[in-house]
Amino acid sequence: MSRFEKNTWMMGEQYTTADPYALAFFSAGKRFGLPTRELRHYGEWKQRMLRRPAVETILKRERSVLLEAD
């Protein structure tokens, strides 16, 4: 069972500093060509992260690959 299958955020139901840290790993996986699309629950969590205004602002500023369509 995936961590995100039972939790909204990395550490459970509360958003913590672990979430943006994990997002950096998701981004690296996408840049390195790892099969991030196959990780359904991780992808759903990434979408929740992208809906956070501060996350969106930073990713736009960095021109992140996470903003590209899957």
PDB file of N, CA and C in Angstrom:
ATOM      1  N   MET A   1       0.846  -1.177   0.000  1.00  0.00           N
ATOM      2  CA  MET A   1       0.000   0.000   0.000  1.00  0.00           C
ATOM      3  C   MET A   1       0.890   1.237   0.000  1.00  0.00           C
ATOM      4  N   SER A   2       0.565   2.161  -0.848  1.00  0.00           N
ATOM      5  CA  SER A   2       1.311   3.415  -0.958  1.00  0.00           C
ATOM      6  C   SER A   2       0.965   4.345   0.207  1.00  0.00           C
ATOM      7  N   ARG A   3       1.925   5.154   0.596  1.00  0.00           N
ATOM      8  CA  ARG A   3       1.696   6.138   1.663  1.00  0.00           C
ATOM      9  C   ARG A   3       0.516   7.039   1.299  1.00  0.00           C
ATOM     10  N   PHE A   4       0.386   7.394   0.036  1.00  0.00           N
ATOM     11  CA  PHE A   4      -0.653   8.330  -0.383  1.00  0.00           C
ATOM     12  C   PHE A   4      -1.989   7.656  -0.626  1.00  0.00           C
ATOM     13  N   GLU A   5      -2.019   6.352  -0.608  1.00  0.00           N
ATOM     14  CA  GLU A   5      -3.283   5.651  -0.777  1.00  0.00           C
ATOM     15  C   GLU A   5      -4.165   5.858   0.452  1.00  0.00           C
ATOM     16  N   LYS A   6      -3.536   6.002   1.613  1.00  0.00           N
ATOM     17  CA  LYS A   6      -4.308   6.166   2.849  1.00  0.00           C
ATOM     18  C   LYS A   6      -4.171   7.554   3.471  1.00  0.00           C
ATOM     19  N   ASN A   7      -3.259   8.381   2.978  1.00  0.00           N
ATOM     20  CA  ASN A   7      -3.018   9.703   3.545  1.00  0.00           C
ATOM     21  C   ASN A   7      -3.228  10.798   2.507  1.00  0.00           C
ATOM     22  N   THR A   8      -3.694  11.946   2.970  1.00  0.00           N
ATOM     23  CA  THR A   8      -3.829  13.101   2.093  1.00  0.00           C
ATOM     24  C   THR A   8      -2.476  13.732   1.825  1.00  0.00           C
ATOM     25  N   TRP A   9      -1.648  13.793   2.867  1.00  0.00           N
ATOM     26  CA  TRP A   9      -0.333  14.408   2.770  1.00  0.00           C
ATOM     27  C   TRP A   9       0.735  13.400   3.157  1.00  0.00           C
ATOM     28  N   MET A  10       1.967  13.753   3.020  1.00  0.00           N
ATOM     29  CA  MET A  10       3.086  12.845   3.262  1.00  0.00           C
ATOM     30  C   MET A  10       3.036  12.211   4.657  1.00  0.00           C
ATOM     31  N   MET A  11       2.724  13.007   5.660  1.00  0.00           N
ATOM     32  CA  MET A  11       2.747  12.508   7.037  1.00  0.00           C
ATOM     33  C   MET A  11       1.359  12.178   7.586  1.00  0.00           C
ATOM     34  N   GLY A  12       0.352  12.226   6.765  1.00  0.00           N
ATOM     35  CA  GLY A  12      -1.005  11.909   7.229  1.00  0.00           C
ATOM     36  C   GLY A  12      -1.993  12.919   6.693  1.00  0.00           C
ATOM     37  N   GLU A  13      -2.840  13.419   7.577  1.00  0.00           N
ATOM     38  CA  GLU A  13      -3.866  14.376   7.163  1.00  0.00           C
ATOM     39  C   GLU A  13      -3.420  15.827   7.305  1.00  0.00           C
ATOM     40  N   GLN A  14      -2.238  16.055   7.849  1.00  0.00           N
ATOM     41  CA  GLN A  14      -1.715  17.405   8.049  1.00  0.00           C
ATOM     42  C   GLN A  14      -0.585  17.693   7.066  1.00  0.00           C
ATOM     43  N   TYR A  15      -0.678  18.778   6.327  1.00  0.00           N
ATOM     44  CA  TYR A  15       0.402  19.242   5.451  1.00  0.00           C
ATOM     45  C   TYR A  15       1.585  19.623   6.333  1.00  0.00           C
ATOM     46  N   THR A  16       2.781  19.138   5.986  1.00  0.00           N
ATOM     47  CA  THR A  16       3.985  19.448   6.761  1.00  0.00           C
ATOM     48  C   THR A  16       5.112  19.837   5.816  1.00  0.00           C
ATOM     49  N   THR A  17       6.250  20.168   6.373  1.00  0.00           N
ATOM     50  CA  THR A  17       7.415  20.503   5.549  1.00  0.00           C
ATOM     51  C   THR A  17       7.918  19.298   4.761  1.00  0.00           C
ATOM     52  N   ALA A  18       7.471  18.104   5.118  1.00  0.00           N
ATOM     53  CA  ALA A  18       7.858  16.913   4.355  1.00  0.00           C
ATOM     54  C   ALA A  18       7.249  16.929   2.954  1.00  0.00           C
ATOM     55  N   ASP A  19       6.112  17.581   2.783  1.00  0.00           N
ATOM     56  CA  ASP A  19       5.439  17.589   1.483  1.00  0.00           C
ATOM     57  C   ASP A  19       6.229  18.312   0.401  1.00  0.00           C
ATOM     58  N   PRO A  20       6.678  19.548   0.610  1.00  0.00           N
ATOM     59  CA  PRO A  20       7.482  20.178  -0.445  1.00  0.00           C
ATOM     60  C   PRO A  20       8.808  19.445  -0.672  1.00  0.00           C
ATOM     61  N   TYR A  21       9.350  18.864   0.373  1.00  0.00           N
ATOM     62  CA  TYR A  21      10.583  18.088   0.230  1.00  0.00           C
ATOM     63  C   TYR A  21      10.338  16.897  -0.696  1.00  0.00           C
ATOM     64  N   ALA A  22       9.229  16.195  -0.496  1.00  0.00           N
ATOM     65  CA  ALA A  22       8.889  15.052  -1.347  1.00  0.00           C
ATOM     66  C   ALA A  22       8.596  15.495  -2.777  1.00  0.00           C
ATOM     67  N   LEU A  23       8.053  16.699  -2.935  1.00  0.00           N
ATOM     68  CA  LEU A  23       7.765  17.203  -4.274  1.00  0.00           C
ATOM     69  C   LEU A  23       9.045  17.370  -5.088  1.00  0.00           C
ATOM     70  N   ALA A  24      10.122  17.726  -4.414  1.00  0.00           N
ATOM     71  CA  ALA A  24      11.416  17.842  -5.105  1.00  0.00           C
ATOM     72  C   ALA A  24      11.837  16.486  -5.682  1.00  0.00           C
ATOM     73  N   PHE A  25      11.563  15.406  -4.961  1.00  0.00           N
ATOM     74  CA  PHE A  25      11.896  14.069  -5.463  1.00  0.00           C
ATOM     75  C   PHE A  25      11.003  13.678  -6.632  1.00  0.00           C
ATOM     76  N   PHE A  26       9.726  14.064  -6.566  1.00  0.00           N
ATOM     77  CA  PHE A  26       8.822  13.787  -7.681  1.00  0.00           C
ATOM     78  C   PHE A  26       9.322  14.509  -8.924  1.00  0.00           C
ATOM     79  N   SER A  27       9.715  15.757  -8.758  1.00  0.00           N
ATOM     80  CA  SER A  27      10.236  16.551  -9.870  1.00  0.00           C
ATOM     81  C   SER A  27      11.500  15.910 -10.452  1.00  0.00           C
ATOM     82  N   ALA A  28      12.398  15.481  -9.596  1.00  0.00           N
ATOM     83  CA  ALA A  28      13.629  14.832 -10.068  1.00  0.00           C
ATOM     84  C   ALA A  28      13.299  13.559 -10.834  1.00  0.00           C
ATOM     85  N   GLY A  29      12.368  12.788 -10.333  1.00  0.00           N
ATOM     86  CA  GLY A  29      11.968  11.565 -11.025  1.00  0.00           C
ATOM     87  C   GLY A  29      11.434  11.852 -12.417  1.00  0.00           C
ATOM     88  N   LYS A  30      10.637  12.890 -12.526  1.00  0.00           N
ATOM     89  CA  LYS A  30      10.098  13.261 -13.838  1.00  0.00           C
ATOM     90  C   LYS A  30      11.212  13.708 -14.778  1.00  0.00           C
ATOM     91  N   ARG A  31      12.156  14.521 -14.274  1.00  0.00           N
ATOM     92  CA  ARG A  31      13.270  14.993 -15.108  1.00  0.00           C
ATOM     93  C   ARG A  31      14.169  13.841 -15.561  1.00  0.00           C
ATOM     94  N   PHE A  32      14.339  12.846 -14.712  1.00  0.00           N
ATOM     95  CA  PHE A  32      15.201  11.710 -15.042  1.00  0.00           C
ATOM     96  C   PHE A  32      14.483  10.635 -15.858  1.00  0.00           C
ATOM     97  N   GLY A  33      13.221  10.862 -16.164  1.00  0.00           N
ATOM     98  CA  GLY A  33      12.485   9.923 -16.994  1.00  0.00           C
ATOM     99  C   GLY A  33      11.947   8.704 -16.262  1.00  0.00           C
ATOM    100  N   LEU A  34      11.830   8.791 -14.944  1.00  0.00           N
ATOM    101  CA  LEU A  34      11.258   7.674 -14.196  1.00  0.00           C
ATOM    102  C   LEU A  34       9.752   7.624 -14.438  1.00  0.00           C
ATOM    103  N   PRO A  35       9.125   6.480 -14.246  1.00  0.00           N
ATOM    104  CA  PRO A  35       7.703   6.313 -14.592  1.00  0.00           C
ATOM    105  C   PRO A  35       6.755   6.944 -13.564  1.00  0.00           C
ATOM    106  N   THR A  36       6.841   8.240 -13.374  1.00  0.00           N
ATOM    107  CA  THR A  36       6.004   8.914 -12.379  1.00  0.00           C
ATOM    108  C   THR A  36       4.520   8.825 -12.727  1.00  0.00           C
ATOM    109  N   ARG A  37       4.178   8.710 -13.983  1.00  0.00           N
ATOM    110  CA  ARG A  37       2.770   8.621 -14.392  1.00  0.00           C
ATOM    111  C   ARG A  37       2.115   7.345 -13.874  1.00  0.00           C
ATOM    112  N   GLU A  38       2.911   6.326 -13.647  1.00  0.00           N
ATOM    113  CA  GLU A  38       2.379   5.049 -13.181  1.00  0.00           C
ATOM    114  C   GLU A  38       2.081   5.046 -11.683  1.00  0.00           C
ATOM    115  N   LEU A  39       2.517   6.052 -10.973  1.00  0.00           N
ATOM    116  CA  LEU A  39       2.321   6.134  -9.533  1.00  0.00           C
ATOM    117  C   LEU A  39       1.059   6.940  -9.241  1.00  0.00           C
ATOM    118  N   ARG A  40      -0.092   6.294  -9.376  1.00  0.00           N
ATOM    119  CA  ARG A  40      -1.377   6.981  -9.327  1.00  0.00           C
ATOM    120  C   ARG A  40      -1.568   7.821  -8.068  1.00  0.00           C
ATOM    121  N   HIS A  41      -1.364   7.247  -6.901  1.00  0.00           N
ATOM    122  CA  HIS A  41      -1.609   7.966  -5.656  1.00  0.00           C
ATOM    123  C   HIS A  41      -0.598   9.097  -5.451  1.00  0.00           C
ATOM    124  N   TYR A  42       0.623   8.856  -5.861  1.00  0.00           N
ATOM    125  CA  TYR A  42       1.660   9.889  -5.780  1.00  0.00           C
ATOM    126  C   TYR A  42       1.289  11.041  -6.720  1.00  0.00           C
ATOM    127  N   GLY A  43       0.763  10.702  -7.890  1.00  0.00           N
ATOM    128  CA  GLY A  43       0.320  11.717  -8.844  1.00  0.00           C
ATOM    129  C   GLY A  43      -0.853  12.529  -8.322  1.00  0.00           C
ATOM    130  N   GLU A  44      -1.782  11.875  -7.633  1.00  0.00           N
ATOM    131  CA  GLU A  44      -2.915  12.593  -7.039  1.00  0.00           C
ATOM    132  C   GLU A  44      -2.427  13.551  -5.955  1.00  0.00           C
ATOM    133  N   TRP A  45      -1.454  13.096  -5.163  1.00  0.00           N
ATOM    134  CA  TRP A  45      -0.858  13.962  -4.141  1.00  0.00           C
ATOM    135  C   TRP A  45      -0.178  15.167  -4.806  1.00  0.00           C
ATOM    136  N   LYS A  46       0.549  14.903  -5.926  1.00  0.00           N
ATOM    137  CA  LYS A  46       1.215  15.998  -6.646  1.00  0.00           C
ATOM    138  C   LYS A  46       0.183  17.031  -7.094  1.00  0.00           C
ATOM    139  N   GLN A  47      -0.972  16.594  -7.554  1.00  0.00           N
ATOM    140  CA  GLN A  47      -2.017  17.527  -7.976  1.00  0.00           C
ATOM    141  C   GLN A  47      -2.513  18.359  -6.799  1.00  0.00           C
ATOM    142  N   ARG A  48      -2.634  17.736  -5.621  1.00  0.00           N
ATOM    143  CA  ARG A  48      -3.020  18.511  -4.430  1.00  0.00           C
ATOM    144  C   ARG A  48      -1.957  19.562  -4.119  1.00  0.00           C
ATOM    145  N   MET A  49      -0.703  19.175  -4.267  1.00  0.00           N
ATOM    146  CA  MET A  49       0.389  20.126  -4.021  1.00  0.00           C
ATOM    147  C   MET A  49       0.303  21.300  -4.995  1.00  0.00           C
ATOM    148  N   LEU A  50       0.039  21.016  -6.267  1.00  0.00           N
ATOM    149  CA  LEU A  50      -0.016  22.070  -7.287  1.00  0.00           C
ATOM    150  C   LEU A  50      -1.167  23.043  -7.065  1.00  0.00           C
ATOM    151  N   ARG A  51      -2.202  22.611  -6.334  1.00  0.00           N
ATOM    152  CA  ARG A  51      -3.325  23.506  -6.043  1.00  0.00           C
ATOM    153  C   ARG A  51      -3.022  24.474  -4.896  1.00  0.00           C
ATOM    154  N   ARG A  52      -1.916  24.278  -4.217  1.00  0.00           N
ATOM    155  CA  ARG A  52      -1.524  25.198  -3.135  1.00  0.00           C
ATOM    156  C   ARG A  52      -0.903  26.442  -3.780  1.00  0.00           C
ATOM    157  N   PRO A  53      -1.440  27.638  -3.495  1.00  0.00           N
ATOM    158  CA  PRO A  53      -0.960  28.861  -4.157  1.00  0.00           C
ATOM    159  C   PRO A  53       0.547  29.082  -4.033  1.00  0.00           C
ATOM    160  N   ALA A  54       1.113  28.868  -2.868  1.00  0.00           N
ATOM    161  CA  ALA A  54       2.560  29.104  -2.696  1.00  0.00           C
ATOM    162  C   ALA A  54       3.374  28.135  -3.542  1.00  0.00           C
ATOM    163  N   VAL A  55       2.931  26.894  -3.630  1.00  0.00           N
ATOM    164  CA  VAL A  55       3.642  25.901  -4.436  1.00  0.00           C
ATOM    165  C   VAL A  55       3.572  26.301  -5.904  1.00  0.00           C
ATOM    166  N   GLU A  56       2.391  26.676  -6.351  1.00  0.00           N
ATOM    167  CA  GLU A  56       2.228  27.098  -7.743  1.00  0.00           C
ATOM    168  C   GLU A  56       3.120  28.294  -8.079  1.00  0.00           C
ATOM    169  N   THR A  57       3.177  29.264  -7.179  1.00  0.00           N
ATOM    170  CA  THR A  57       4.007  30.455  -7.396  1.00  0.00           C
ATOM    171  C   THR A  57       5.469  30.076  -7.578  1.00  0.00           C
ATOM    172  N   ILE A  58       5.978  29.255  -6.689  1.00  0.00           N
ATOM    173  CA  ILE A  58       7.392  28.856  -6.758  1.00  0.00           C
ATOM    174  C   ILE A  58       7.671  28.047  -8.015  1.00  0.00           C
ATOM    175  N   LEU A  59       6.790  27.096  -8.335  1.00  0.00           N
ATOM    176  CA  LEU A  59       7.030  26.251  -9.506  1.00  0.00           C
ATOM    177  C   LEU A  59       6.986  27.058 -10.800  1.00  0.00           C
ATOM    178  N   LYS A  60       6.113  28.056 -10.861  1.00  0.00           N
ATOM    179  CA  LYS A  60       6.084  28.928 -12.041  1.00  0.00           C
ATOM    180  C   LYS A  60       7.380  29.735 -12.138  1.00  0.00           C
ATOM    181  N   ARG A  61       7.836  30.244 -11.015  1.00  0.00           N
ATOM    182  CA  ARG A  61       9.075  31.017 -10.990  1.00  0.00           C
ATOM    183  C   ARG A  61      10.254  30.168 -11.454  1.00  0.00           C
ATOM    184  N   GLU A  62      10.262  28.894 -11.073  1.00  0.00           N
ATOM    185  CA  GLU A  62      11.343  27.994 -11.434  1.00  0.00           C
ATOM    186  C   GLU A  62      11.157  27.327 -12.794  1.00  0.00           C
ATOM    187  N   ARG A  63      10.009  27.593 -13.423  1.00  0.00           N
ATOM    188  CA  ARG A  63       9.659  26.935 -14.700  1.00  0.00           C
ATOM    189  C   ARG A  63       9.791  25.413 -14.559  1.00  0.00           C
ATOM    190  N   SER A  64       9.171  24.907 -13.538  1.00  0.00           N
ATOM    191  CA  SER A  64       9.273  23.503 -13.160  1.00  0.00           C
ATOM    192  C   SER A  64       8.640  22.565 -14.197  1.00  0.00           C
ATOM    193  N   VAL A  65       9.234  21.402 -14.348  1.00  0.00           N
ATOM    194  CA  VAL A  65       8.677  20.362 -15.222  1.00  0.00           C
ATOM    195  C   VAL A  65       7.356  19.852 -14.666  1.00  0.00           C
ATOM    196  N   LEU A  66       7.091  20.108 -13.405  1.00  0.00           N
ATOM    197  CA  LEU A  66       5.841  19.630 -12.818  1.00  0.00           C
ATOM    198  C   LEU A  66       4.632  20.380 -13.372  1.00  0.00           C
ATOM    199  N   LEU A  67       4.848  21.529 -13.969  1.00  0.00           N
ATOM    200  CA  LEU A  67       3.746  22.287 -14.545  1.00  0.00           C
ATOM    201  C   LEU A  67       3.420  21.845 -15.969  1.00  0.00           C
ATOM    202  N   GLU A  68       4.258  21.016 -16.532  1.00  0.00           N
ATOM    203  CA  GLU A  68       4.007  20.491 -17.886  1.00  0.00           C
ATOM    204  C   GLU A  68       2.950  19.404 -17.811  1.00  0.00           C
ATOM    205  N   ALA A  69       2.162  19.287 -18.859  1.00  0.00           N
ATOM    206  CA  ALA A  69       1.136  18.240 -18.903  1.00  0.00           C
ATOM    207  C   ALA A  69       1.810  16.865 -18.900  1.00  0.00           C
ATOM    208  N   ASP A  70       1.194  15.939 -18.207  1.00  0.00           N
ATOM    209  CA  ASP A  70       1.728  14.569 -18.170  1.00  0.00           C
ATOM    210  C   ASP A  70       1.467  13.825 -19.439  1.00  0.00           C
TER     211      ASP A  70
END
